[in-house]
C-alpha atoms as a PDB file:
ATOM      1  CA  UNK A   1     -23.303 107.732  17.998  1.00  0.00           C
ATOM      2  CA  UNK A   2     -26.564 109.651  18.402  1.00  0.00           C
ATOM      3  CA  UNK A   3     -29.421 108.212  18.238  1.00  0.00           C
ATOM      4  CA  UNK A   4     -32.894 110.098  16.406  1.00  0.00           C
ATOM      5  CA  UNK A   5     -35.905 109.938  15.902  1.00  0.00           C
ATOM      6  CA  UNK A   6     -37.313 110.813  12.766  1.00  0.00           C
ATOM      7  CA  UNK A   7     -40.793 109.463  13.294  1.00  0.00           C
ATOM      8  CA  UNK A   8     -42.691 108.099  15.783  1.00  0.00           C
ATOM      9  CA  UNK A   9     -46.102 106.246  17.337  1.00  0.00           C
ATOM     10  CA  UNK A  10     -47.138 107.613  20.280  1.00  0.00           C
ATOM     11  CA  UNK A  11     -45.112 106.070  23.250  1.00  0.00           C
ATOM     12  CA  UNK A  12     -45.143 106.476  26.428  1.00  0.00           C
ATOM     13  CA  UNK A  13     -42.365 108.692  27.987  1.00  0.00           C
ATOM     14  CA  UNK A  14     -41.748 107.110  31.819  1.00  0.00           C
ATOM     15  CA  UNK A  15     -41.933 103.312  29.716  1.00  0.00           C
ATOM     16  CA  UNK A  16     -39.331 104.497  27.088  1.00  0.00           C
ATOM     17  CA  UNK A  17     -36.655 106.194  29.940  1.00  0.00           C
ATOM     18  CA  UNK A  18     -37.333 103.228  31.934  1.00  0.00           C
ATOM     19  CA  UNK A  19     -36.137 101.069  28.503  1.00  0.00           C
ATOM     20  CA  UNK A  20     -33.693 103.243  27.689  1.00  0.00           C
ATOM     21  CA  UNK A  21     -31.636 102.906  31.423  1.00  0.00           C
ATOM     22  CA  UNK A  22     -31.940  99.454  31.184  1.00  0.00           C
ATOM     23  CA  UNK A  23     -31.327  98.587  27.590  1.00  0.00           C
ATOM     24  CA  UNK A  24     -27.108  97.506  27.539  1.00  0.00           C
ATOM     25  CA  UNK A  25     -25.601  99.683  25.178  1.00  0.00           C
ATOM     26  CA  UNK A  26     -22.756  96.397  24.291  1.00  0.00           C
ATOM     27  CA  UNK A  27     -22.764  93.018  23.009  1.00  0.00           C
ATOM     28  CA  UNK A  28     -21.111  91.949  25.912  1.00  0.00           C
ATOM     29  CA  UNK A  29     -23.502  92.883  27.815  1.00  0.00           C
ATOM     30  CA  UNK A  30     -26.835  91.233  25.982  1.00  0.00           C
ATOM     31  CA  UNK A  31     -28.541  88.578  28.476  1.00  0.00           C
ATOM     32  CA  UNK A  32     -29.504  85.456  26.494  1.00  0.00           C
ATOM     33  CA  UNK A  33     -29.830  84.956  23.043  1.00  0.00           C
ATOM     34  CA  UNK A  34     -25.965  83.387  22.593  1.00  0.00           C
ATOM     35  CA  UNK A  35     -26.498  81.912  18.699  1.00  0.00           C
ATOM     36  CA  UNK A  36     -27.830  85.440  17.859  1.00  0.00           C
ATOM     37  CA  UNK A  37     -24.851  86.975  19.621  1.00  0.00           C
ATOM     38  CA  UNK A  38     -22.693  84.582  18.061  1.00  0.00           C
ATOM     39  CA  UNK A  39     -23.063  85.475  14.583  1.00  0.00           C
ATOM     40  CA  UNK A  40     -23.886  89.000  14.959  1.00  0.00           C
ATOM     41  CA  UNK A  41     -20.823  89.683  16.182  1.00  0.00           C
ATOM     42  CA  UNK A  42     -19.384  87.647  13.268  1.00  0.00           C
ATOM     43  CA  UNK A  43     -21.019  89.403  11.029  1.00  0.00           C
ATOM     44  CA  UNK A  44     -20.118  92.553  11.883  1.00  0.00           C
ATOM     45  CA  UNK A  45     -16.054  91.505  12.356  1.00  0.00           C
ATOM     46  CA  UNK A  46     -16.598  90.388   8.793  1.00  0.00           C
ATOM     47  CA  UNK A  47     -17.956  93.949   7.541  1.00  0.00           C
ATOM     48  CA  UNK A  48     -15.435  95.471   9.633  1.00  0.00           C
ATOM     49  CA  UNK A  49     -12.363  93.659   7.828  1.00  0.00           C
ATOM     50  CA  UNK A  50     -13.946  93.788   4.434  1.00  0.00           C
ATOM     51  CA  UNK A  51     -14.241  97.532   5.089  1.00  0.00           C
ATOM     52  CA  UNK A  52     -17.665  97.064   3.826  1.00  0.00           C
ATOM     53  CA  UNK A  53     -21.089  99.246   5.312  1.00  0.00           C
ATOM     54  CA  UNK A  54     -23.245  95.907   7.090  1.00  0.00           C
ATOM     55  CA  UNK A  55     -26.045  94.441   4.767  1.00  0.00           C
ATOM     56  CA  UNK A  56     -29.084  95.109   5.256  1.00  0.00           C
ATOM     57  CA  UNK A  57     -30.625  93.431   8.412  1.00  0.00           C
ATOM     58  CA  UNK A  58     -34.208  91.548   9.524  1.00  0.00           C
ATOM     59  CA  UNK A  59     -34.879  90.910  12.973  1.00  0.00           C
ATOM     60  CA  UNK A  60     -37.843  89.069  14.099  1.00  0.00           C
ATOM     61  CA  UNK A  61     -39.006  87.353  16.878  1.00  0.00           C
ATOM     62  CA  UNK A  62     -41.901  87.873  19.708  1.00  0.00           C
ATOM     63  CA  UNK A  63     -42.610  91.506  21.099  1.00  0.00           C
ATOM     64  CA  UNK A  64     -40.361  92.505  23.522  1.00  0.00           C
ATOM     65  CA  UNK A  65     -37.246  89.996  23.347  1.00  0.00           C
ATOM     66  CA  UNK A  66     -35.029  92.554  22.730  1.00  0.00           C
ATOM     67  CA  UNK A  67     -35.086  93.927  18.437  1.00  0.00           C
ATOM     68  CA  UNK A  68     -35.052  96.684  18.803  1.00  0.00           C
ATOM     69  CA  UNK A  69     -32.432  96.518  22.098  1.00  0.00           C
ATOM     70  CA  UNK A  70     -29.790  94.654  19.637  1.00  0.00           C
ATOM     71  CA  UNK A  71     -30.683  97.692  16.581  1.00  0.00           C
ATOM     72  CA  UNK A  72     -28.617  99.941  18.961  1.00  0.00           C
ATOM     73  CA  UNK A  73     -26.144  97.594  19.651  1.00  0.00           C
ATOM     74  CA  UNK A  74     -25.318  96.700  16.497  1.00  0.00           C
ATOM     75  CA  UNK A  75     -24.991 100.889  15.699  1.00  0.00           C
ATOM     76  CA  UNK A  76     -22.873 101.406  18.559  1.00  0.00           C
ATOM     77  CA  UNK A  77     -20.629  98.740  17.362  1.00  0.00           C
ATOM     78  CA  UNK A  78     -19.527  99.793  14.276  1.00  0.00           C
ATOM     79  CA  UNK A  79     -20.064 104.295  15.524  1.00  0.00           C
ATOM     80  CA  UNK A  80     -23.138 104.409  13.762  1.00  0.00           C
ATOM     81  CA  UNK A  81     -25.846 106.898  13.722  1.00  0.00           C
ATOM     82  CA  UNK A  82     -29.160 105.373  14.073  1.00  0.00           C
ATOM     83  CA  UNK A  83     -32.325 106.254  12.778  1.00  0.00           C
ATOM     84  CA  UNK A  84     -35.566 105.313  14.495  1.00  0.00           C
ATOM     85  CA  UNK A  85     -38.476 105.273  12.911  1.00  0.00           C
ATOM     86  CA  UNK A  86     -41.657 101.905  12.719  1.00  0.00           C
ATOM     87  CA  UNK A  87     -43.997 101.069   9.313  1.00  0.00           C
ATOM     88  CA  UNK A  88     -47.192 102.525  10.305  1.00  0.00           C
ATOM     89  CA  UNK A  89     -45.555 106.299  10.811  1.00  0.00           C
ATOM     90  CA  UNK A  90     -44.462 106.269   7.083  1.00  0.00           C
ATOM     91  CA  UNK A  91     -47.390 106.435   5.762  1.00  0.00           C
ATOM     92  CA  UNK A  92     -45.709 108.130   1.919  1.00  0.00           C
ATOM     93  CA  UNK A  93     -43.947 107.653  -0.203  1.00  0.00           C
ATOM     94  CA  UNK A  94     -43.048 111.299   0.796  1.00  0.00           C
ATOM     95  CA  UNK A  95     -41.962 110.353   4.403  1.00  0.00           C
ATOM     96  CA  UNK A  96     -39.089 107.637   3.097  1.00  0.00           C
ATOM     97  CA  UNK A  97     -38.093 110.328   0.745  1.00  0.00           C
ATOM     98  CA  UNK A  98     -37.770 112.702   3.573  1.00  0.00           C
ATOM     99  CA  UNK A  99     -35.922 109.892   5.766  1.00  0.00           C
ATOM    100  CA  UNK A 100     -33.849 108.729   3.368  1.00  0.00           C
ATOM    101  CA  UNK A 101     -32.322 111.871   1.717  1.00  0.00           C
ATOM    102  CA  UNK A 102     -31.221 113.297   5.281  1.00  0.00           C
ATOM    103  CA  UNK A 103     -29.292 110.386   6.076  1.00  0.00           C
ATOM    104  CA  UNK A 104     -25.452 109.956   6.115  1.00  0.00           C
ATOM    105  CA  UNK A 105     -23.036 107.659   5.278  1.00  0.00           C
ATOM    106  CA  UNK A 106     -22.892 104.455   7.321  1.00  0.00           C
ATOM    107  CA  UNK A 107     -25.701 105.587   9.120  1.00  0.00           C
ATOM    108  CA  UNK A 108     -28.389 103.208  10.029  1.00  0.00           C
ATOM    109  CA  UNK A 109     -32.111 103.153   9.534  1.00  0.00           C
ATOM    110  CA  UNK A 110     -34.180 100.988  12.513  1.00  0.00           C
ATOM    111  CA  UNK A 111     -37.895 100.276  10.799  1.00  0.00           C
ATOM    112  CA  UNK A 112     -39.991  98.831  13.576  1.00  0.00           C
ATOM    113  CA  UNK A 113     -42.874  96.857  12.291  1.00  0.00           C
ATOM    114  CA  UNK A 114     -41.404  96.858   9.158  1.00  0.00           C
ATOM    115  CA  UNK A 115     -44.168  94.418   7.832  1.00  0.00           C
ATOM    116  CA  UNK A 116     -47.036  96.976   8.016  1.00  0.00           C
ATOM    117  CA  UNK A 117     -45.041  99.523   5.348  1.00  0.00           C
ATOM    118  CA  UNK A 118     -47.322 100.450   2.769  1.00  0.00           C
ATOM    119  CA  UNK A 119     -46.682  98.642  -0.564  1.00  0.00           C
ATOM    120  CA  UNK A 120     -45.579 102.349  -2.207  1.00  0.00           C
ATOM    121  CA  UNK A 121     -43.566 103.132   0.564  1.00  0.00           C
ATOM    122  CA  UNK A 122     -42.021  99.756  -0.266  1.00  0.00           C
ATOM    123  CA  UNK A 123     -41.436  99.990  -4.013  1.00  0.00           C
ATOM    124  CA  UNK A 124     -39.601 103.053  -3.385  1.00  0.00           C
ATOM    125  CA  UNK A 125     -37.861 101.645  -0.897  1.00  0.00           C
ATOM    126  CA  UNK A 126     -36.233  98.752  -3.268  1.00  0.00           C
ATOM    127  CA  UNK A 127     -33.769 101.331  -5.463  1.00  0.00           C
ATOM    128  CA  UNK A 128     -32.766 102.665  -2.167  1.00  0.00           C
ATOM    129  CA  UNK A 129     -31.336  98.825  -0.425  1.00  0.00           C
ATOM    130  CA  UNK A 130     -30.512  97.705  -3.804  1.00  0.00           C
ATOM    131  CA  UNK A 131     -28.690 100.589  -5.351  1.00  0.00           C
ATOM    132  CA  UNK A 132     -28.574 103.382  -2.730  1.00  0.00           C
ATOM    133  CA  UNK A 133     -30.312 105.343  -4.584  1.00  0.00           C
ATOM    134  CA  UNK A 134     -34.867 106.931  -4.776  1.00  0.00           C
ATOM    135  CA  UNK A 135     -36.459 107.309  -8.117  1.00  0.00           C
ATOM    136  CA  UNK A 136     -38.745 110.069  -7.856  1.00  0.00           C
ATOM    137  CA  UNK A 137     -41.106 110.864 -10.271  1.00  0.00           C
ATOM    138  CA  UNK A 138     -41.629 114.588 -11.299  1.00  0.00           C
ATOM    139  CA  UNK A 139     -44.798 116.438 -13.310  1.00  0.00           C
ATOM    140  CA  UNK A 140     -47.685 114.601 -14.127  1.00  0.00           C
ATOM    141  CA  UNK A 141     -49.850 112.812 -16.997  1.00  0.00           C
ATOM    142  CA  UNK A 142     -47.135 112.304 -20.147  1.00  0.00           C
ATOM    143  CA  UNK A 143     -44.386 115.206 -18.964  1.00  0.00           C
ATOM    144  CA  UNK A 144     -44.307 112.977 -16.243  1.00  0.00           C
ATOM    145  CA  UNK A 145     -40.361 112.117 -15.333  1.00  0.00           C
ATOM    146  CA  UNK A 146     -38.172 109.643 -13.410  1.00  0.00           C
ATOM    147  CA  UNK A 147     -35.542 111.724 -11.558  1.00  0.00           C
ATOM    148  CA  UNK A 148     -32.628 109.745  -9.453  1.00  0.00           C
ATOM    149  CA  UNK A 149     -30.905 111.159  -6.378  1.00  0.00           C
ATOM    150  CA  UNK A 150     -28.212 109.545  -5.268  1.00  0.00           C
ATOM    151  CA  UNK A 151     -28.113 107.807  -1.577  1.00  0.00           C
ATOM    152  CA  UNK A 152     -25.500 108.053   0.835  1.00  0.00           C
ATOM    153  CA  UNK A 153     -24.830 104.143   1.754  1.00  0.00           C
ATOM    154  CA  UNK A 154     -26.511 103.442   4.754  1.00  0.00           C
ATOM    155  CA  UNK A 155     -27.828  99.981   6.641  1.00  0.00           C
ATOM    156  CA  UNK A 156     -31.578  99.063   7.058  1.00  0.00           C
ATOM    157  CA  UNK A 157     -32.226  97.383   9.840  1.00  0.00           C
ATOM    158  CA  UNK A 158     -36.216  95.983   9.606  1.00  0.00           C
ATOM    159  CA  UNK A 159     -37.722  94.279  13.448  1.00  0.00           C
ATOM    160  CA  UNK A 160     -41.024  92.635  12.986  1.00  0.00           C
ATOM    161  CA  UNK A 161     -42.857  89.866  14.530  1.00  0.00           C
ATOM    162  CA  UNK A 162     -44.730  89.126  11.820  1.00  0.00           C
ATOM    163  CA  UNK A 163     -42.560  88.002   9.004  1.00  0.00           C
ATOM    164  CA  UNK A 164     -44.873  85.951   7.277  1.00  0.00           C
ATOM    165  CA  UNK A 165     -46.387  89.178   7.091  1.00  0.00           C
ATOM    166  CA  UNK A 166     -43.209  90.797   4.761  1.00  0.00           C
ATOM    167  CA  UNK A 167     -43.874  91.037   1.276  1.00  0.00           C
ATOM    168  CA  UNK A 168     -41.509  88.348  -0.891  1.00  0.00           C
ATOM    169  CA  UNK A 169     -39.103  91.781  -2.655  1.00  0.00           C
ATOM    170  CA  UNK A 170     -38.913  92.906   0.149  1.00  0.00           C
ATOM    171  CA  UNK A 171     -37.106  90.518   2.620  1.00  0.00           C
ATOM    172  CA  UNK A 172     -35.457  89.344  -0.121  1.00  0.00           C
ATOM    173  CA  UNK A 173     -33.637  92.586   0.053  1.00  0.00           C
ATOM    174  CA  UNK A 174     -32.360  91.937   3.963  1.00  0.00           C
ATOM    175  CA  UNK A 175     -28.605  89.864   3.626  1.00  0.00           C
ATOM    176  CA  UNK A 176     -28.972  87.953   6.644  1.00  0.00           C
ATOM    177  CA  UNK A 177     -32.253  87.356   9.023  1.00  0.00           C
ATOM    178  CA  UNK A 178     -31.980  86.717  12.613  1.00  0.00           C
ATOM    179  CA  UNK A 179     -34.681  85.231  14.801  1.00  0.00           C
ATOM    180  CA  UNK A 180     -34.839  86.098  18.834  1.00  0.00           C
ATOM    181  CA  UNK A 181     -36.479  83.087  20.318  1.00  0.00           C
ATOM    182  CA  UNK A 182     -38.172  83.144  24.349  1.00  0.00           C
ATOM    183  CA  UNK A 183     -35.193  83.469  26.755  1.00  0.00           C
ATOM    184  CA  UNK A 184     -34.937  80.771  29.656  1.00  0.00           C
ATOM    185  CA  UNK A 185     -36.110  81.095  33.194  1.00  0.00           C
ATOM    186  CA  UNK A 186     -31.922  81.474  33.819  1.00  0.00           C
ATOM    187  CA  UNK A 187     -31.624  84.814  31.106  1.00  0.00           C
ATOM    188  CA  UNK A 188     -34.100  86.119  32.709  1.00  0.00           C
ATOM    189  CA  UNK A 189     -32.889  85.925  36.566  1.00  0.00           C
ATOM    190  CA  UNK A 190     -30.052  87.259  35.274  1.00  0.00           C
ATOM    191  CA  UNK A 191     -31.748  90.425  33.983  1.00  0.00           C
ATOM    192  CA  UNK A 192     -33.864  91.003  36.844  1.00  0.00           C
ATOM    193  CA  UNK A 193     -30.573  91.238  38.433  1.00  0.00           C
ATOM    194  CA  UNK A 194     -28.986  93.801  36.364  1.00  0.00           C
ATOM    195  CA  UNK A 195     -31.405  96.178  36.468  1.00  0.00           C
ATOM    196  CA  UNK A 196     -31.848  96.085  39.831  1.00  0.00           C
ATOM    197  CA  UNK A 197     -28.448  97.175  39.898  1.00  0.00           C
ATOM    198  CA  UNK A 198     -29.267 100.387  37.016  1.00  0.00           C
ATOM    199  CA  UNK A 199     -33.146 101.270  39.217  1.00  0.00           C
ATOM    200  CA  UNK A 200     -30.725 100.687  42.478  1.00  0.00           C
ATOM    201  CA  UNK A 201     -33.677  98.600  44.054  1.00  0.00           C
ATOM    202  CA  UNK A 202     -32.713  95.966  46.946  1.00  0.00           C
ATOM    203  CA  UNK A 203     -33.470  92.933  45.902  1.00  0.00           C
ATOM    204  CA  UNK A 204     -33.217  89.545  47.756  1.00  0.00           C
ATOM    205  CA  UNK A 205     -32.574  86.070  46.311  1.00  0.00           C
ATOM    206  CA  UNK A 206     -34.715  84.480  45.728  1.00  0.00           C
ATOM    207  CA  UNK A 207     -37.534  86.813  44.165  1.00  0.00           C
ATOM    208  CA  UNK A 208     -36.179  86.849  41.251  1.00  0.00           C
ATOM    209  CA  UNK A 209     -36.741  83.815  40.418  1.00  0.00           C
ATOM    210  CA  UNK A 210     -40.439  84.159  41.386  1.00  0.00           C
ATOM    211  CA  UNK A 211     -40.494  87.595  39.016  1.00  0.00           C
ATOM    212  CA  UNK A 212     -38.251  85.611  36.421  1.00  0.00           C
ATOM    213  CA  UNK A 213     -41.349  83.104  36.333  1.00  0.00           C
ATOM    214  CA  UNK A 214     -44.231  85.325  36.316  1.00  0.00           C
ATOM    215  CA  UNK A 215     -42.037  87.243  33.020  1.00  0.00           C
ATOM    216  CA  UNK A 216     -43.061  84.475  30.476  1.00  0.00           C
ATOM    217  CA  UNK A 217     -39.037  84.353  29.459  1.00  0.00           C
ATOM    218  CA  UNK A 218     -39.701  88.142  27.832  1.00  0.00           C
ATOM    219  CA  UNK A 219     -37.433  90.937  29.290  1.00  0.00           C
ATOM    220  CA  UNK A 220     -39.253  94.197  28.540  1.00  0.00           C
ATOM    221  CA  UNK A 221     -41.929  92.077  30.140  1.00  0.00           C
ATOM    222  CA  UNK A 222     -39.557  90.733  33.794  1.00  0.00           C
ATOM    223  CA  UNK A 223     -38.941  94.570  33.395  1.00  0.00           C
ATOM    224  CA  UNK A 224     -42.527  96.396  33.845  1.00  0.00           C
ATOM    225  CA  UNK A 225     -42.686  94.054  36.603  1.00  0.00           C
ATOM    226  CA  UNK A 226     -39.580  94.974  38.406  1.00  0.00           C
ATOM    227  CA  UNK A 227     -40.395  98.135  38.422  1.00  0.00           C
ATOM    228  CA  UNK A 228     -44.655  97.069  39.170  1.00  0.00           C
ATOM    229  CA  UNK A 229     -42.809  95.932  42.738  1.00  0.00           C
ATOM    230  CA  UNK A 230     -40.813  98.786  42.890  1.00  0.00           C
ATOM    231  CA  UNK A 231     -43.035 101.214  42.850  1.00  0.00           C
ATOM    232  CA  UNK A 232     -45.245  98.935  45.397  1.00  0.00           C
ATOM    233  CA  UNK A 233     -42.487  98.191  48.501  1.00  0.00           C
ATOM    234  CA  UNK A 234     -41.552 101.791  48.538  1.00  0.00           C
ATOM    235  CA  UNK A 235     -45.329 102.766  49.718  1.00  0.00           C
ATOM    236  CA  UNK A 236     -46.160  99.511  50.978  1.00  0.00           C
ATOM    237  CA  UNK A 237     -42.563  98.425  52.737  1.00  0.00           C
ATOM    238  CA  UNK A 238     -39.351  98.721  53.057  1.00  0.00           C
ATOM    239  CA  UNK A 239     -38.019  99.294  50.014  1.00  0.00           C
ATOM    240  CA  UNK A 240     -36.614  95.883  50.112  1.00  0.00           C
ATOM    241  CA  UNK A 241     -37.812  93.780  47.340  1.00  0.00           C
ATOM    242  CA  UNK A 242     -38.097  89.514  48.797  1.00  0.00           C
ATOM    243  CA  UNK A 243     -40.276  86.849  47.480  1.00  0.00           C
ATOM    244  CA  UNK A 244     -43.440  87.842  49.994  1.00  0.00           C
ATOM    245  CA  UNK A 245     -43.685  91.814  48.884  1.00  0.00           C
ATOM    246  CA  UNK A 246     -43.244  90.598  45.418  1.00  0.00           C
ATOM    247  CA  UNK A 247     -46.485  88.614  45.131  1.00  0.00           C
ATOM    248  CA  UNK A 248     -48.120  90.784  47.558  1.00  0.00           C
ATOM    249  CA  UNK A 249     -47.919  93.399  44.336  1.00  0.00           C
ATOM    250  CA  UNK A 250     -48.336  91.109  42.077  1.00  0.00           C
ATOM    251  CA  UNK A 251     -51.273  89.777  43.639  1.00  0.00           C
END
């Protein structure tokens, strides 16, 4: 599986690297969201047995809950390449046309903030999602004509924090939809312990419980708090994260 970011918003390089380090790669490594994981597993297995491409998938829920991570896991589970972009980055019809015509058979196209796609871009997506075809207008005025380009079979995974802003025609073209909930504190604690192992952070219980309470039930926040505390104890302490040091770091 390969990842390629086709068009992307500005992103902090350090945060992006950290996110990639901590991102689980398999469904059984993904902590929490048990109902969603079970449904995704069934969805993937059914597609394997039918030997058909996956239906288009909509992932929705608050920021930092693992939508992008889940998209990567789905791609990895089926051995597909994932191409990545975002709604605000696809400004014109030519942008989406370039992306679609560079897809290969079985690829996954991940569009973050899919609710922010412009209407003209959406309308170009409709035949691509339903018929795997791209309709282009060639020429202007009375001599204009439509040219249809056949596309490889691909799967769109759209992610959004605001599903209510999706237009009905676009929403209806997703075959499956999964809602990601906030995590329990217990799940956040498990995520923190896993992240600490990956980052080689000496996290002493019950410090992980304190950090989990500060993380607002969100893995992204938990991991960023852990990184902040790690930096603090490396400078102000002996590198060991205790509850007291965690409180000082987040004061």
